[in-house]
Protein backbone atom coordinates (compact mmCIF):
# COMPACT_ATOMS: atom_id res chain seq x y z
CA MET A 1 -44.14 94.40 40.36
CA THR A 2 -43.99 96.89 37.50
CA THR A 3 -46.58 96.41 34.78
CA ASN A 4 -45.26 96.35 31.25
CA PRO A 5 -46.90 99.42 29.60
CA TYR A 6 -46.96 97.58 26.24
CA ASN A 7 -49.42 95.07 27.72
CA ILE A 8 -51.98 97.67 28.85
CA ASN A 9 -55.13 97.89 26.70
CA LEU A 10 -53.35 95.90 24.00
CA ASP A 11 -55.18 92.60 24.34
CA ARG A 12 -55.51 89.74 21.91
CA ASN A 13 -58.67 89.71 19.84
CA PRO A 14 -59.83 87.92 16.66
CA ALA A 15 -58.55 90.78 14.53
CA ASN A 16 -54.94 90.54 15.71
CA TYR A 17 -54.52 86.93 16.88
CA GLN A 18 -55.35 83.69 15.08
CA PRO A 19 -54.01 80.18 15.74
CA LEU A 20 -51.15 79.21 13.45
CA THR A 21 -52.05 76.30 11.17
CA PRO A 22 -50.53 75.00 7.91
CA LEU A 23 -54.06 74.48 6.56
CA ASN A 24 -54.19 78.15 5.66
CA PHE A 25 -51.29 77.64 3.25
CA LEU A 26 -53.64 75.71 0.95
CA ALA A 27 -56.41 78.29 1.28
CA ARG A 28 -53.98 81.06 0.28
CA ALA A 29 -52.56 79.05 -2.62
CA ALA A 30 -56.05 78.44 -4.00
CA GLU A 31 -56.92 82.12 -3.66
CA THR A 32 -53.76 83.48 -5.29
CA PHE A 33 -52.76 80.79 -7.81
CA PRO A 34 -55.97 78.78 -8.40
CA GLU A 35 -54.87 77.48 -11.82
CA HIS A 36 -51.32 76.53 -10.85
CA THR A 37 -50.72 72.77 -10.98
CA ALA A 38 -50.76 71.45 -7.43
CA ILE A 39 -50.70 67.67 -7.97
CA VAL A 40 -49.31 65.44 -10.71
CA HIS A 41 -50.05 61.72 -10.60
CA GLY A 42 -49.45 59.92 -13.86
CA ALA A 43 -51.85 61.43 -16.38
CA LEU A 44 -53.79 63.23 -13.64
CA ARG A 45 -53.27 66.97 -13.15
CA ARG A 46 -55.03 68.97 -10.42
CA ASP A 47 -54.70 72.69 -9.83
CA TYR A 48 -54.88 74.46 -6.48
CA ARG A 49 -58.54 75.39 -6.91
CA GLU A 50 -59.48 71.71 -7.19
CA PHE A 51 -57.02 70.57 -4.50
CA TYR A 52 -58.56 73.00 -2.01
CA ALA A 53 -62.13 72.17 -3.04
CA ARG A 54 -61.58 68.41 -2.72
CA SER A 55 -59.92 68.82 0.69
CA ARG A 56 -62.93 70.83 1.89
CA LYS A 57 -65.32 68.24 0.47
CA LEU A 58 -63.42 65.50 2.32
CA ALA A 59 -63.71 67.51 5.55
CA SER A 60 -67.39 68.17 4.87
CA SER A 61 -68.17 64.47 4.37
CA LEU A 62 -66.26 63.49 7.49
CA VAL A 63 -68.28 65.96 9.58
CA GLN A 64 -71.69 65.88 7.92
CA GLN A 65 -71.89 62.27 6.75
CA HIS A 66 -70.10 60.52 9.61
CA GLY A 67 -70.28 62.94 12.55
CA ILE A 68 -66.51 63.39 12.93
CA LYS A 69 -65.79 66.01 15.57
CA ARG A 70 -62.81 67.72 17.15
CA GLY A 71 -60.41 65.26 18.73
CA ASP A 72 -61.56 62.22 16.72
CA THR A 73 -58.96 60.15 14.88
CA VAL A 74 -59.06 59.41 11.15
CA SER A 75 -56.49 56.87 9.99
CA ALA A 76 -54.95 56.55 6.53
CA LEU A 77 -53.21 53.52 5.03
CA LEU A 78 -52.21 55.03 1.72
CA ALA A 79 -49.35 55.23 -0.75
CA ASN A 80 -47.97 58.57 -1.95
CA THR A 81 -51.10 59.46 -3.89
CA PRO A 82 -53.39 62.48 -4.27
CA ALA A 83 -55.68 61.00 -1.60
CA MET A 84 -52.87 61.09 0.95
CA LEU A 85 -52.26 64.77 0.19
CA GLU A 86 -55.98 65.49 0.55
CA CYS A 87 -56.01 63.69 3.91
CA HIS A 88 -53.26 66.01 5.19
CA TYR A 89 -55.67 68.91 4.73
CA GLY A 90 -59.19 67.48 4.74
CA VAL A 91 -58.83 65.46 7.94
CA PRO A 92 -57.59 68.33 10.15
CA MET A 93 -60.04 70.68 8.40
CA SER A 94 -62.78 68.51 9.95
CA GLY A 95 -61.24 69.04 13.40
CA ALA A 96 -59.98 65.45 13.48
CA VAL A 97 -56.43 64.20 13.96
CA LEU A 98 -54.69 62.46 11.06
CA HIS A 99 -53.12 59.08 11.80
CA SER A 100 -50.85 58.07 8.89
CA ILE A 101 -50.01 54.36 9.01
CA ASN A 102 -46.75 52.84 7.78
CA THR A 103 -47.74 50.59 4.86
CA ARG A 104 -44.82 48.22 5.57
CA ILE A 105 -45.64 47.10 9.11
CA GLU A 106 -47.44 44.01 10.36
CA ALA A 107 -51.20 43.73 10.79
CA SER A 108 -50.81 43.25 14.56
CA VAL A 109 -48.97 46.56 14.90
CA ILE A 110 -51.61 48.34 12.80
CA ALA A 111 -54.30 46.83 15.02
CA PHE A 112 -52.58 48.18 18.12
CA GLN A 113 -52.34 51.66 16.58
CA LEU A 114 -56.00 51.71 15.52
CA ASP A 115 -57.09 50.72 19.03
CA HIS A 116 -54.69 53.05 20.82
CA ALA A 117 -55.63 56.05 18.67
CA GLY A 118 -59.35 55.17 18.72
CA ALA A 119 -59.74 55.34 14.95
CA LYS A 120 -63.27 56.26 13.82
CA ILE A 121 -62.58 56.06 10.07
CA VAL A 122 -59.80 54.46 8.03
CA ILE A 123 -59.06 55.47 4.45
CA VAL A 124 -57.27 52.58 2.73
CA ASP A 125 -55.61 52.12 -0.64
CA SER A 126 -56.90 49.10 -2.57
CA GLU A 127 -53.43 47.56 -2.51
CA PHE A 128 -53.51 47.47 1.30
CA ILE A 129 -57.09 46.27 1.85
CA PRO A 130 -55.92 42.68 2.66
CA LEU A 131 -53.48 44.08 5.24
CA MET A 132 -56.18 46.28 6.79
CA ASP A 133 -58.63 43.36 6.86
CA LYS A 134 -56.13 41.34 8.90
CA ALA A 135 -55.55 44.28 11.23
CA LEU A 136 -59.27 44.84 11.80
CA GLU A 137 -59.72 41.16 12.67
CA LEU A 138 -57.24 41.74 15.51
CA ALA A 139 -58.41 45.21 16.54
CA SER A 140 -61.09 46.08 19.09
CA VAL A 141 -62.29 49.20 17.24
CA SER A 142 -64.61 48.94 14.23
CA PRO A 143 -63.94 52.04 12.13
CA VAL A 144 -65.75 52.88 8.92
CA VAL A 145 -63.56 51.73 6.01
CA ILE A 146 -63.26 53.93 2.93
CA GLU A 147 -61.35 52.50 -0.04
CA TYR A 148 -59.24 54.63 -2.37
CA VAL A 149 -58.93 52.99 -5.80
CA ASP A 150 -55.91 54.38 -7.58
CA ALA A 151 -55.49 54.32 -11.36
CA GLY A 152 -54.55 50.82 -12.54
CA PHE A 153 -56.17 49.12 -9.52
CA SER A 154 -59.55 47.48 -9.03
CA LYS A 155 -61.78 47.76 -5.97
CA ALA A 156 -60.60 45.18 -3.45
CA SER A 157 -63.35 45.36 -0.81
CA GLU A 158 -67.01 44.49 -1.23
CA THR A 159 -68.06 46.37 1.90
CA ALA A 160 -65.86 49.49 2.01
CA ALA A 161 -67.23 52.80 0.81
CA ASP A 162 -65.61 54.29 -2.29
CA TYR A 163 -63.32 57.27 -1.64
CA GLU A 164 -64.39 59.24 -4.72
CA ASP A 165 -68.07 58.77 -3.83
CA PHE A 166 -67.31 59.81 -0.27
CA VAL A 167 -65.55 63.01 -1.38
CA SER A 168 -68.27 63.83 -3.91
CA GLN A 169 -70.87 63.90 -1.12
CA GLY A 170 -69.12 66.84 0.53
CA GLU A 171 -69.49 70.58 -0.02
CA ALA A 172 -66.73 72.40 -1.89
CA ASP A 173 -67.48 75.60 0.05
CA PHE A 174 -67.54 73.85 3.45
CA ASP A 175 -66.65 76.27 6.25
CA TRP A 176 -63.79 74.14 7.53
CA LEU A 177 -62.72 74.15 11.16
CA MET A 178 -59.76 76.21 12.19
CA PRO A 179 -58.05 74.85 15.32
CA GLU A 180 -59.46 76.43 18.45
CA ASP A 181 -55.88 76.70 19.66
CA GLU A 182 -52.64 76.24 17.73
CA TRP A 183 -51.70 73.70 20.43
CA ASP A 184 -54.53 71.46 19.14
CA ALA A 185 -53.32 68.17 17.65
CA ILE A 186 -53.03 67.93 13.88
CA SER A 187 -51.54 64.43 13.63
CA ILE A 188 -50.46 61.33 15.49
CA ASN A 189 -47.61 59.17 14.19
CA TYR A 190 -46.39 55.98 15.79
CA THR A 191 -42.69 55.45 16.30
CA SER A 192 -40.76 52.25 16.90
CA GLY A 193 -40.01 51.72 20.58
CA THR A 194 -37.19 49.74 22.12
CA THR A 195 -39.55 47.90 24.44
CA GLY A 196 -43.26 47.31 24.54
CA ASP A 197 -45.73 48.83 22.11
CA PRO A 198 -45.02 51.71 19.71
CA LYS A 199 -45.59 55.21 21.06
CA GLY A 200 -48.03 57.67 19.51
CA VAL A 201 -46.31 60.98 18.81
CA VAL A 202 -48.80 63.86 18.89
CA CYS A 203 -48.00 66.97 16.83
CA HIS A 204 -49.82 70.31 16.93
CA HIS A 205 -50.83 72.86 14.30
CA ARG A 206 -48.22 75.40 15.44
CA GLY A 207 -45.33 72.97 15.07
CA ALA A 208 -46.49 71.77 11.67
CA TYR A 209 -46.83 75.38 10.49
CA LEU A 210 -43.33 76.29 11.68
CA LEU A 211 -41.54 73.19 10.39
CA ALA A 212 -43.27 73.53 7.02
CA GLN A 213 -41.77 77.00 6.70
CA GLY A 214 -38.42 75.79 8.02
CA ASN A 215 -38.32 73.20 5.23
CA ALA A 216 -38.70 75.91 2.61
CA LEU A 217 -35.83 77.91 4.11
CA VAL A 218 -33.47 74.96 4.54
CA SER A 219 -34.09 73.51 1.07
CA ALA A 220 -33.81 76.89 -0.68
CA MET A 221 -37.32 76.58 -2.14
CA GLN A 222 -38.23 79.47 -4.38
CA LYS A 223 -41.80 80.03 -5.53
CA HIS A 224 -43.28 77.18 -7.62
CA PRO A 225 -40.84 74.33 -6.84
CA VAL A 226 -41.59 70.83 -8.13
CA TYR A 227 -41.32 68.18 -5.41
CA LEU A 228 -41.06 64.46 -6.18
CA TRP A 229 -42.54 62.16 -3.52
CA THR A 230 -39.80 59.57 -2.97
CA LEU A 231 -40.19 59.98 0.81
CA PRO A 232 -43.18 58.10 2.28
CA MET A 233 -45.82 60.52 3.51
CA PHE A 234 -46.42 58.23 6.49
CA HIS A 235 -42.95 59.18 7.77
CA CYS A 236 -43.56 62.14 10.09
CA ASN A 237 -46.27 63.40 7.72
CA GLY A 238 -43.70 63.45 4.93
CA TRP A 239 -41.45 65.64 7.11
CA CYS A 240 -44.26 68.27 6.84
CA PHE A 241 -43.61 68.77 3.10
CA PRO A 242 -47.32 68.21 2.23
CA TRP A 243 -47.85 71.57 3.94
CA THR A 244 -44.59 73.20 2.79
CA LEU A 245 -45.50 72.90 -0.89
CA SER A 246 -48.71 74.88 -0.47
CA ALA A 247 -46.81 77.67 1.31
CA VAL A 248 -44.55 78.13 -1.72
CA ILE A 249 -47.20 77.29 -4.35
CA GLY A 250 -45.32 74.19 -5.41
CA THR A 251 -46.24 71.09 -7.37
CA HIS A 252 -46.46 67.62 -5.80
CA VAL A 253 -45.38 64.82 -8.14
CA CYS A 254 -46.82 61.65 -6.59
CA LEU A 255 -45.02 58.34 -6.78
CA ARG A 256 -46.59 55.07 -5.62
CA GLN A 257 -43.33 53.14 -5.66
CA VAL A 258 -39.74 54.29 -5.40
CA ARG A 259 -38.32 52.88 -8.65
CA ALA A 260 -35.59 54.28 -10.87
CA GLU A 261 -37.55 54.56 -14.12
CA PRO A 262 -40.46 56.70 -12.86
CA ILE A 263 -38.03 58.79 -10.80
CA TRP A 264 -35.94 59.62 -13.86
CA ASN A 265 -39.04 60.19 -15.99
CA ALA A 266 -40.23 62.74 -13.43
CA LEU A 267 -36.79 64.36 -13.14
CA LYS A 268 -36.66 64.87 -16.90
CA ASN A 269 -40.32 65.46 -17.81
CA GLU A 270 -41.69 67.32 -14.77
CA ASN A 271 -38.63 69.53 -14.15
CA VAL A 272 -38.33 68.29 -10.56
CA SER A 273 -36.41 70.64 -8.26
CA HIS A 274 -36.57 68.83 -4.90
CA LEU A 275 -36.85 65.35 -3.42
CA CYS A 276 -36.10 63.62 -0.13
CA GLY A 277 -35.05 60.16 0.90
CA ALA A 278 -32.59 57.85 2.59
CA PRO A 279 -29.19 57.10 0.99
CA ILE A 280 -30.71 53.96 -0.55
CA VAL A 281 -32.81 56.23 -2.80
CA MET A 282 -29.68 58.10 -3.85
CA SER A 283 -27.99 54.81 -4.79
CA LEU A 284 -31.05 53.73 -6.74
CA VAL A 285 -31.12 57.01 -8.68
CA VAL A 286 -27.45 57.30 -9.71
CA SER A 287 -26.96 53.61 -10.50
CA ALA A 288 -29.99 53.37 -12.78
CA PRO A 289 -29.59 52.78 -16.55
CA GLU A 290 -31.70 55.91 -17.07
CA ALA A 291 -29.23 58.09 -15.16
CA VAL A 292 -27.99 61.14 -17.05
CA LYS A 293 -26.46 64.50 -16.23
CA LEU A 294 -29.40 66.69 -15.18
CA LYS A 295 -30.05 69.97 -16.93
CA GLN A 296 -31.20 71.55 -13.66
CA THR A 297 -29.69 71.34 -10.18
CA VAL A 298 -31.94 69.19 -8.01
CA GLN A 299 -31.94 69.55 -4.23
CA PHE A 300 -31.79 66.16 -2.52
CA LEU A 301 -32.48 66.14 1.24
CA THR A 302 -31.32 62.99 2.97
CA ALA A 303 -31.50 61.69 6.52
CA ALA A 304 -30.55 58.48 8.34
CA ALA A 305 -26.97 57.20 7.98
CA PRO A 306 -24.55 59.58 6.22
CA PRO A 307 -23.98 58.83 2.53
CA PRO A 308 -20.59 57.28 1.60
CA GLU A 309 -18.00 59.45 -0.15
CA THR A 310 -18.37 57.69 -3.52
CA LEU A 311 -22.14 58.13 -3.52
CA LEU A 312 -21.86 61.85 -2.75
CA ALA A 313 -19.43 62.25 -5.65
CA GLU A 314 -21.78 60.40 -8.01
CA MET A 315 -24.75 62.53 -6.92
CA LYS A 316 -22.80 65.73 -7.47
CA ALA A 317 -21.68 64.59 -10.92
CA ALA A 318 -25.30 63.84 -11.86
CA GLY A 319 -26.43 67.33 -10.86
CA PHE A 320 -27.82 66.77 -7.35
CA ALA A 321 -27.05 69.07 -4.42
CA VAL A 322 -27.21 66.87 -1.29
CA THR A 323 -28.13 68.23 2.14
CA HIS A 324 -27.85 66.02 5.22
CA LEU A 325 -30.66 66.31 7.80
CA TYR A 326 -31.44 64.73 11.15
CA GLY A 327 -34.57 64.55 13.21
CA LEU A 328 -37.11 62.25 14.77
CA THR A 329 -40.84 61.66 14.61
CA GLU A 330 -40.91 63.58 17.91
CA THR A 331 -39.52 66.68 16.14
CA TYR A 332 -41.96 66.59 13.18
CA GLY A 333 -39.17 65.18 11.01
CA PRO A 334 -35.96 67.11 10.32
CA ALA A 335 -34.93 69.58 13.01
CA VAL A 336 -31.18 69.58 12.37
CA VAL A 337 -29.45 70.48 9.10
CA ASN A 338 -25.88 70.26 7.88
CA GLU A 339 -25.67 73.89 6.76
CA TRP A 340 -23.03 73.83 4.04
CA HIS A 341 -20.36 76.54 3.98
CA GLN A 342 -19.29 77.69 0.54
CA ASP A 343 -15.58 77.25 1.22
CA TRP A 344 -16.14 73.59 2.18
CA SER A 345 -16.77 72.86 -1.51
CA GLU A 346 -13.12 73.70 -2.22
CA ARG A 347 -11.87 70.88 0.00
CA SER A 348 -11.06 67.32 -1.08
CA LEU A 349 -13.88 64.85 -1.60
CA SER A 350 -12.86 62.89 1.50
CA GLU A 351 -12.92 66.08 3.61
CA GLN A 352 -16.31 67.02 2.17
CA ALA A 353 -17.66 63.55 2.96
CA ALA A 354 -16.42 63.86 6.57
CA LEU A 355 -18.13 67.25 6.89
CA ASN A 356 -21.31 65.88 5.29
CA ALA A 357 -21.38 62.99 7.76
CA ARG A 358 -22.15 65.41 10.56
CA GLN A 359 -25.81 65.98 11.33
CA GLY A 360 -25.28 69.73 11.72
CA VAL A 361 -26.99 72.62 13.50
CA ARG A 362 -30.55 73.45 14.52
CA TYR A 363 -33.34 74.11 12.02
CA PRO A 364 -34.61 77.72 11.83
CA PRO A 365 -37.79 77.01 13.89
CA LEU A 366 -35.94 75.04 16.58
CA GLU A 367 -35.00 77.17 19.59
CA GLN A 368 -32.24 75.06 21.13
CA LEU A 369 -30.15 72.01 20.24
CA VAL A 370 -27.57 70.69 22.71
CA VAL A 371 -25.54 67.61 23.51
CA MET A 372 -25.60 67.08 27.28
CA ASP A 373 -24.55 64.64 29.93
CA PRO A 374 -27.97 63.14 30.78
CA GLU A 375 -26.97 62.61 34.40
CA THR A 376 -25.74 66.14 35.19
CA MET A 377 -27.73 67.92 32.43
CA THR A 378 -24.66 69.99 31.54
CA PRO A 379 -23.43 70.52 27.97
CA VAL A 380 -20.47 68.42 26.86
CA PRO A 381 -17.29 70.19 25.65
CA GLN A 382 -17.26 71.13 21.96
CA ASP A 383 -14.26 68.91 21.27
CA GLY A 384 -15.74 66.44 18.77
CA GLU A 385 -14.95 63.62 21.19
CA THR A 386 -16.96 63.83 24.42
CA LEU A 387 -20.13 61.80 24.13
CA GLY A 388 -23.50 63.06 25.37
CA GLU A 389 -27.20 62.80 24.61
CA VAL A 390 -28.73 64.98 21.88
CA MET A 391 -31.55 67.11 23.32
CA PHE A 392 -34.06 69.50 21.79
CA ARG A 393 -36.13 72.43 22.97
CA GLY A 394 -38.60 74.39 20.88
CA ASN A 395 -41.92 74.65 19.08
CA VAL A 396 -41.19 71.76 16.72
CA VAL A 397 -40.98 69.25 19.55
CA MET A 398 -44.05 67.03 19.90
CA LYS A 399 -46.89 67.67 22.35
CA GLY A 400 -46.01 64.30 23.83
CA TYR A 401 -46.77 60.61 23.60
CA PHE A 402 -50.50 59.85 23.45
CA ARG A 403 -51.86 58.17 26.57
CA ASN A 404 -48.37 57.57 27.95
CA PRO A 405 -47.59 59.89 30.90
CA LYS A 406 -44.68 57.73 32.06
CA ALA A 407 -42.91 58.03 28.69
CA ASN A 408 -43.60 61.79 28.62
CA LYS A 409 -42.04 62.27 32.04
CA GLU A 410 -38.89 60.51 30.88
CA ALA A 411 -38.77 62.21 27.47
CA PHE A 412 -39.16 65.75 28.87
CA ALA A 413 -37.05 65.38 32.02
CA GLY A 414 -35.34 68.63 32.98
CA GLY A 415 -37.29 70.69 30.46
CA TRP A 416 -35.62 69.14 27.40
CA PHE A 417 -36.69 66.49 24.93
CA HIS A 418 -34.30 63.58 25.32
CA SER A 419 -33.71 62.02 21.90
CA GLY A 420 -31.94 58.92 23.16
CA ASP A 421 -29.32 59.52 20.47
CA LEU A 422 -25.71 59.90 21.55
CA GLY A 423 -23.37 62.32 19.83
CA VAL A 424 -20.55 64.82 20.02
CA VAL A 425 -20.23 68.54 19.30
CA TYR A 426 -17.40 69.99 17.23
CA PRO A 427 -15.74 73.36 17.92
CA ASP A 428 -17.90 74.99 15.20
CA GLY A 429 -21.07 73.86 16.98
CA TYR A 430 -22.02 71.10 14.53
CA ILE A 431 -23.19 67.85 16.10
CA GLN A 432 -22.54 64.30 14.93
CA LEU A 433 -24.34 61.16 16.05
CA LYS A 434 -22.18 58.34 17.34
CA ASP A 435 -24.60 55.79 18.79
CA ARG A 436 -28.24 55.19 19.68
CA SER A 437 -29.10 54.43 23.24
CA LYS A 438 -32.58 53.40 22.10
CA ASP A 439 -31.21 50.48 20.05
CA ILE A 440 -32.97 51.69 16.94
CA ILE A 441 -31.53 50.55 13.61
CA ILE A 442 -32.18 52.87 10.66
CA SER A 443 -32.40 50.83 7.46
CA GLY A 444 -33.40 52.51 4.22
CA GLY A 445 -34.98 55.30 6.26
CA GLU A 446 -37.08 52.87 8.32
CA ASN A 447 -36.72 52.64 12.09
CA ILE A 448 -36.24 49.08 13.29
CA SER A 449 -36.25 48.13 16.96
CA SER A 450 -33.49 45.65 17.75
CA ILE A 451 -35.45 44.51 20.77
CA GLU A 452 -38.50 43.67 18.65
CA ILE A 453 -36.31 41.38 16.55
CA GLU A 454 -34.75 39.87 19.67
CA GLU A 455 -38.21 39.10 21.03
CA ALA A 456 -39.07 37.24 17.81
CA LEU A 457 -35.82 35.28 18.03
CA TYR A 458 -36.42 34.35 21.67
CA ARG A 459 -39.74 32.77 20.72
CA HIS A 460 -37.84 30.08 18.77
CA PRO A 461 -37.32 27.09 21.09
CA ALA A 462 -33.70 26.60 19.97
CA VAL A 463 -32.60 30.13 20.91
CA ALA A 464 -31.14 30.66 24.37
CA THR A 465 -29.80 34.21 23.95
CA ALA A 466 -30.20 36.74 21.15
CA ALA A 467 -28.69 40.17 20.57
CA VAL A 468 -29.34 42.34 17.52
CA VAL A 469 -27.20 45.29 16.47
CA ALA A 470 -26.82 47.52 13.42
CA ARG A 471 -24.44 46.35 10.71
CA PRO A 472 -23.25 49.13 8.35
CA CYS A 473 -24.55 48.64 4.82
CA GLU A 474 -23.62 50.77 1.84
CA LYS A 475 -26.98 50.14 0.16
CA TRP A 476 -29.39 50.50 3.11
CA GLY A 477 -27.31 52.55 5.55
CA GLU A 478 -27.74 49.89 8.23
CA ARG A 479 -29.13 46.36 8.44
CA PRO A 480 -29.96 44.25 11.50
CA CYS A 481 -27.35 41.66 12.40
CA ALA A 482 -28.38 38.92 14.86
CA PHE A 483 -26.02 37.13 17.23
CA ILE A 484 -27.50 33.91 18.63
CA GLU A 485 -26.54 31.49 21.38
CA LEU A 486 -28.33 28.15 21.04
CA ALA A 487 -29.95 26.32 23.93
CA ALA A 488 -28.15 23.21 25.12
CA GLY A 489 -28.55 20.29 22.73
CA GLN A 490 -30.33 22.39 20.09
CA GLN A 491 -29.42 22.84 16.44
CA LEU A 492 -30.43 25.63 14.09
CA ASP A 493 -29.22 26.84 10.72
CA THR A 494 -29.37 30.26 9.06
CA GLU A 495 -32.16 29.44 6.64
CA GLU A 496 -34.41 28.03 9.32
CA ILE A 497 -34.10 31.08 11.59
CA ARG A 498 -34.50 33.42 8.61
CA LEU A 499 -37.80 31.76 7.71
CA TRP A 500 -38.85 31.98 11.36
CA CYS A 501 -38.19 35.73 11.35
CA LYS A 502 -40.12 36.16 8.11
CA GLU A 503 -43.14 34.57 9.80
CA HIS A 504 -42.96 36.86 12.83
CA LEU A 505 -41.62 40.15 11.45
CA ALA A 506 -42.15 42.54 8.57
CA GLY A 507 -39.77 41.72 5.74
CA PHE A 508 -37.56 44.77 6.15
CA LYS A 509 -36.95 43.86 9.82
CA VAL A 510 -35.50 40.41 9.07
CA PRO A 511 -31.75 40.44 9.85
CA SER A 512 -29.35 40.22 6.93
CA HIS A 513 -26.87 38.15 8.97
CA PHE A 514 -27.28 35.49 11.65
CA ILE A 515 -24.17 34.66 13.66
CA PHE A 516 -24.25 31.57 15.91
CA THR A 517 -21.72 32.28 18.62
CA GLY A 518 -21.12 32.92 22.29
CA ILE A 519 -22.36 36.39 23.27
CA PRO A 520 -20.00 38.58 25.37
CA ARG A 521 -21.31 39.84 28.69
CA THR A 522 -20.20 42.12 31.51
CA SER A 523 -19.44 40.80 34.98
CA THR A 524 -23.06 41.48 35.92
CA GLY A 525 -24.37 39.51 32.94
CA LYS A 526 -25.32 42.44 30.70
CA ILE A 527 -24.78 41.83 26.99
CA GLN A 528 -21.91 43.90 25.59
CA LYS A 529 -23.57 45.29 22.50
CA PHE A 530 -20.66 47.62 21.78
CA ALA A 531 -18.47 44.54 21.23
CA LEU A 532 -21.09 43.01 18.94
CA ARG A 533 -21.30 46.22 16.92
CA GLU A 534 -17.57 46.00 16.29
CA ARG A 535 -17.92 42.40 15.17
CA ALA A 536 -20.81 43.37 12.89
CA LYS A 537 -18.63 46.06 11.28
CA GLU A 538 -15.99 43.45 10.52
CA LEU A 539 -18.53 41.60 8.38
CA VAL A 540 -18.76 44.52 5.95
């Protein structure tokens, strides 16, 4: 075998090879633009010097006060606040793995996540202390609880340590821990599963670094953008934008709640240039009394169900440039973008809406994106009609599911990540989703497992058979629609089953419609969900 001459006496060493990590983006920003505003939160303003110092102090306290070491898990149940941004740097700077918890899920699910991830410390917003207390009553682990008290809130726990006190104990010049390898985990995020418990998606420093840069390229971010946090940071680490903004020396405008008034105040007063969210956020923005024609063009990145034609027209008229994205927790957030061609803007609004409904092509840091027959593992024809499974390959695909080798074997079969999403490819190479084999309903940007809802319905003694499918919804993108067959001799009305669901599910998972009817089945007894989806569409 011939030796490559360019590999002789040209070895890696500390001078020419360092692990890629997005943590260095913050270090560089603080060195080059220390006085540039990094974080805006109401009346609070923090520059990059302070942002970096506080992140290092958080890391220092985690290591020196509580003995956090490489591979430990630190959980965060926080709103879109400065503390959440600091956790995205300070936690991995301590060598630990950040576990961002969805603030909208049930205490039992949080308890499972804390146990599964082995949380050593949880940092909790005062608003969510009651929820965390319930979760810890159910959990086996007993992590140290640190409470973050945001402006306008009072301390809610008598026993939890105070976040500001905790940070103040740290050293601003702490020699934070680089990853030993860029393959080291930076975060774990739990995703809704179709059966059983949620799966812990493990992401590494390299992937976070690459997707953070990909975000800047895709969203046309110039230096010093202003980003409004309408996307929850617990969703795939805010699609990696907490790290993107440091790379381009941008400003984070925090937002506790997604409401029209503060959004428009930020758009007008903070000169916002970028924001992300599901179509429901777009509807909220353009339908608000505060809505005006913007002075600046604002980039709006949206995922989930494609926006309707009328909403796209309203967004354009208001001054927003909408880009459609697609991705999964397993791909660090968006890994597919509907790259817009200039001549498409000359077409009719209906044609533009049809083009915008497609998910698009691969992100810059994604190596390969294909739609394949999962049985033969061969690409489907690019005819816009032949259905196949969307598969990914590249450095922005997760390390795998934590403590779940069976799921990893299935997800990475054949050397590709199997998304479970079904779609087609058009002649120009753009993909479009058509169905979800995982039975996940995307409502307002939240993933909802239809099987989780079905399990709750089956626990009601009057329910013999239950099937839940997505019902198209102009406001939320999709909403769960439940079809129910009653057990012999049983009676049940809509309000009773709705209240039952509210007792057993998070509010956003409760179906919007309950249909009491016979449920169609195949000759082998399998429920024909495709037929129910058609019936659900007829309800719109």
